[in-house]
Amino acid sequence: MSAALASSRTRHGLARGVIPIAEETGLIVPLGEWVLRTACAEVALWPEHLKVAVNVSPVQFKTGNFVQMVVSALADSGLPARRLELEITEAVLIGDDEAALSVLHQLRNLGVRIALDDFGTGYSSLSYLQRFPFDKIKIDRSFVTDVGKPTAR
């Protein structure tokens, strides 16, 4: 299961406009926490073999208390950390990548899985793949669409 404010139908529609506004106004932090807590609480009721992936906004990730937010959501829901996967984008890594690395390691030490979402849409530095502890890399379709096609010169 994947939890986000955008469903597959709205990912490129309504949510495309709502998410940036929520990030600009800071509302993404309480919205993102609500999504995280709700997803953890719901999945905790499901069979043990099911996991949940939650998209995390760069703004939410960089709040300074993101690890505590995750710990609290897991504790309140009773969901084991191994059943939670957090999906981040390359934007999380821009700026203070040492701080981001520290947060990622703290999350991994809890047992939370980390996925790099939409790789290839931003800065796409392969060094990120060497430096950060990703469990999964989701390559954006636009990054590989033309692989194998002759290039125009």
Protein backbone atom coordinates (compact mmCIF):
# COMPACT_ATOMS: atom_id res chain seq x y z
CA MET A 1 0.00 0.00 0.00
CA SER A 2 1.20 3.51 -0.68
CA ALA A 3 0.00 6.51 1.32
CA ALA A 4 0.13 9.97 -0.13
CA LEU A 5 -2.07 13.00 -0.51
CA ALA A 6 -2.30 12.20 -4.22
CA SER A 7 -3.95 9.08 -5.52
CA SER A 8 -2.96 7.62 -8.87
CA ARG A 9 -5.82 9.56 -10.44
CA THR A 10 -4.96 12.91 -8.89
CA ARG A 11 -1.16 12.67 -8.76
CA HIS A 12 -0.83 14.87 -11.81
CA GLY A 13 -4.02 16.87 -11.32
CA LEU A 14 -5.35 18.50 -8.17
CA ALA A 15 -2.52 17.30 -5.92
CA ARG A 16 0.08 18.82 -8.24
CA GLY A 17 -1.24 22.25 -7.23
CA VAL A 18 -2.10 21.49 -3.61
CA ILE A 19 1.24 20.01 -2.54
CA PRO A 20 3.39 23.01 -3.56
CA ILE A 21 0.99 25.41 -1.81
CA ALA A 22 1.01 23.25 1.32
CA GLU A 23 4.82 23.23 1.22
CA GLU A 24 5.03 27.01 0.75
CA THR A 25 2.66 27.69 3.64
CA GLY A 26 4.11 25.06 5.96
CA LEU A 27 0.82 23.15 6.06
CA ILE A 28 2.60 20.17 4.54
CA VAL A 29 4.11 19.38 7.94
CA PRO A 30 0.81 18.72 9.78
CA LEU A 31 -0.71 17.20 6.62
CA GLY A 32 2.26 14.89 6.19
CA GLU A 33 2.16 13.90 9.85
CA TRP A 34 -1.55 13.12 9.54
CA VAL A 35 -0.87 10.93 6.47
CA LEU A 36 1.98 9.14 8.28
CA ARG A 37 -0.04 8.54 11.47
CA THR A 38 -3.16 7.45 9.58
CA ALA A 39 -1.22 5.08 7.33
CA CYS A 40 0.62 3.51 10.27
CA ALA A 41 -2.59 3.10 12.29
CA GLU A 42 -4.48 1.51 9.38
CA VAL A 43 -1.71 -0.85 8.29
CA ALA A 44 -1.14 -1.98 11.89
CA LEU A 45 -4.59 -3.60 11.67
CA TRP A 46 -3.74 -5.51 8.49
CA PRO A 47 -2.03 -8.89 8.13
CA GLU A 48 1.64 -8.89 9.20
CA HIS A 49 3.02 -9.45 5.69
CA LEU A 50 1.60 -6.16 4.39
CA LYS A 51 3.67 -2.97 4.46
CA VAL A 52 3.01 0.68 3.70
CA ALA A 53 5.01 3.24 1.73
CA VAL A 54 4.53 6.88 2.67
CA ASN A 55 5.68 9.79 0.53
CA VAL A 56 7.58 12.41 2.52
CA SER A 57 7.84 16.07 1.53
CA PRO A 58 11.32 17.62 1.64
CA VAL A 59 9.83 20.35 3.86
CA GLN A 60 8.51 17.74 6.29
CA PHE A 61 11.77 15.78 6.22
CA LYS A 62 13.84 18.87 7.07
CA THR A 63 11.74 20.02 10.05
CA GLY A 64 14.34 18.88 12.57
CA ASN A 65 11.92 16.58 14.38
CA PHE A 66 11.05 14.20 11.57
CA VAL A 67 12.65 11.15 13.23
CA GLN A 68 10.69 11.82 16.42
CA MET A 69 7.51 12.16 14.34
CA VAL A 70 8.13 8.73 12.80
CA VAL A 71 8.98 7.16 16.18
CA SER A 72 5.78 8.60 17.66
CA ALA A 73 3.60 7.42 14.75
CA LEU A 74 5.04 3.91 15.02
CA ALA A 75 4.69 3.78 18.81
CA ASP A 76 1.13 5.13 18.83
CA SER A 77 0.01 2.73 16.10
CA GLY A 78 1.96 -0.31 17.23
CA LEU A 79 3.22 -0.78 13.67
CA PRO A 80 6.64 -2.44 13.54
CA ALA A 81 9.19 -0.18 11.81
CA ARG A 82 10.02 -2.91 9.28
CA ARG A 83 6.51 -2.49 7.83
CA LEU A 84 7.06 1.20 7.04
CA GLU A 85 8.82 2.48 3.94
CA LEU A 86 9.42 6.20 3.54
CA GLU A 87 9.65 7.54 -0.01
CA ILE A 88 11.82 10.62 -0.42
CA THR A 89 12.88 12.54 -3.48
CA GLU A 90 16.29 13.93 -4.37
CA ALA A 91 15.11 17.34 -3.12
CA VAL A 92 15.56 16.02 0.44
CA LEU A 93 19.28 15.67 -0.26
CA ILE A 94 19.81 19.16 -1.68
CA GLY A 95 21.35 21.67 0.68
CA ASP A 96 22.58 20.00 3.84
CA ASP A 97 23.21 16.46 2.66
CA GLU A 98 25.10 15.59 5.87
CA ALA A 99 22.02 16.39 7.95
CA ALA A 100 19.88 14.37 5.54
CA LEU A 101 22.31 11.45 5.78
CA SER A 102 22.09 11.59 9.58
CA VAL A 103 18.28 11.48 9.49
CA LEU A 104 18.29 8.62 6.97
CA HIS A 105 20.68 6.59 9.15
CA GLN A 106 18.54 7.22 12.23
CA LEU A 107 15.45 6.00 10.36
CA ARG A 108 17.29 2.93 9.07
CA ASN A 109 18.52 2.16 12.59
CA LEU A 110 14.87 2.07 13.67
CA GLY A 111 14.20 -0.52 10.97
CA VAL A 112 12.33 1.81 8.60
CA ARG A 113 12.98 1.20 4.92
CA ILE A 114 13.98 4.15 2.71
CA ALA A 115 13.08 4.51 -0.98
CA LEU A 116 14.39 7.16 -3.36
CA ASP A 117 11.35 8.14 -5.41
CA ASP A 118 11.36 9.72 -8.88
CA PHE A 119 15.11 9.31 -9.40
CA GLY A 120 16.03 10.98 -12.65
CA THR A 121 13.66 13.95 -12.43
CA GLY A 122 15.91 16.23 -10.40
CA TYR A 123 19.66 16.46 -10.06
CA SER A 124 20.09 12.69 -10.54
CA SER A 125 23.55 12.45 -9.10
CA LEU A 126 24.75 8.87 -8.96
CA SER A 127 26.80 9.86 -5.91
CA TYR A 128 23.53 9.91 -3.94
CA LEU A 129 23.18 6.22 -4.63
CA GLN A 130 26.60 5.53 -3.13
CA ARG A 131 26.30 7.80 -0.08
CA PHE A 132 22.76 7.24 1.16
CA PRO A 133 21.24 4.04 2.59
CA PHE A 134 18.43 3.39 0.12
CA ASP A 135 16.50 0.13 0.21
CA LYS A 136 14.75 0.89 -3.06
CA ILE A 137 15.32 3.24 -5.97
CA LYS A 138 12.29 4.16 -8.05
CA ILE A 139 13.52 5.47 -11.40
CA ASP A 140 11.21 7.96 -13.05
CA ARG A 141 9.84 6.82 -16.39
CA SER A 142 10.99 10.03 -18.08
CA PHE A 143 14.58 9.13 -17.17
CA VAL A 144 14.52 5.85 -19.10
CA THR A 145 11.96 6.50 -21.84
CA ASP A 146 14.56 7.22 -24.50
CA VAL A 147 17.20 4.73 -23.36
CA GLY A 148 18.31 2.74 -26.38
CA LYS A 149 17.01 5.24 -28.89
CA PRO A 150 19.50 7.01 -31.16
CA THR A 151 20.22 10.56 -30.00
CA ALA A 152 19.76 13.57 -32.24
CA ARG A 153 22.93 15.53 -32.94
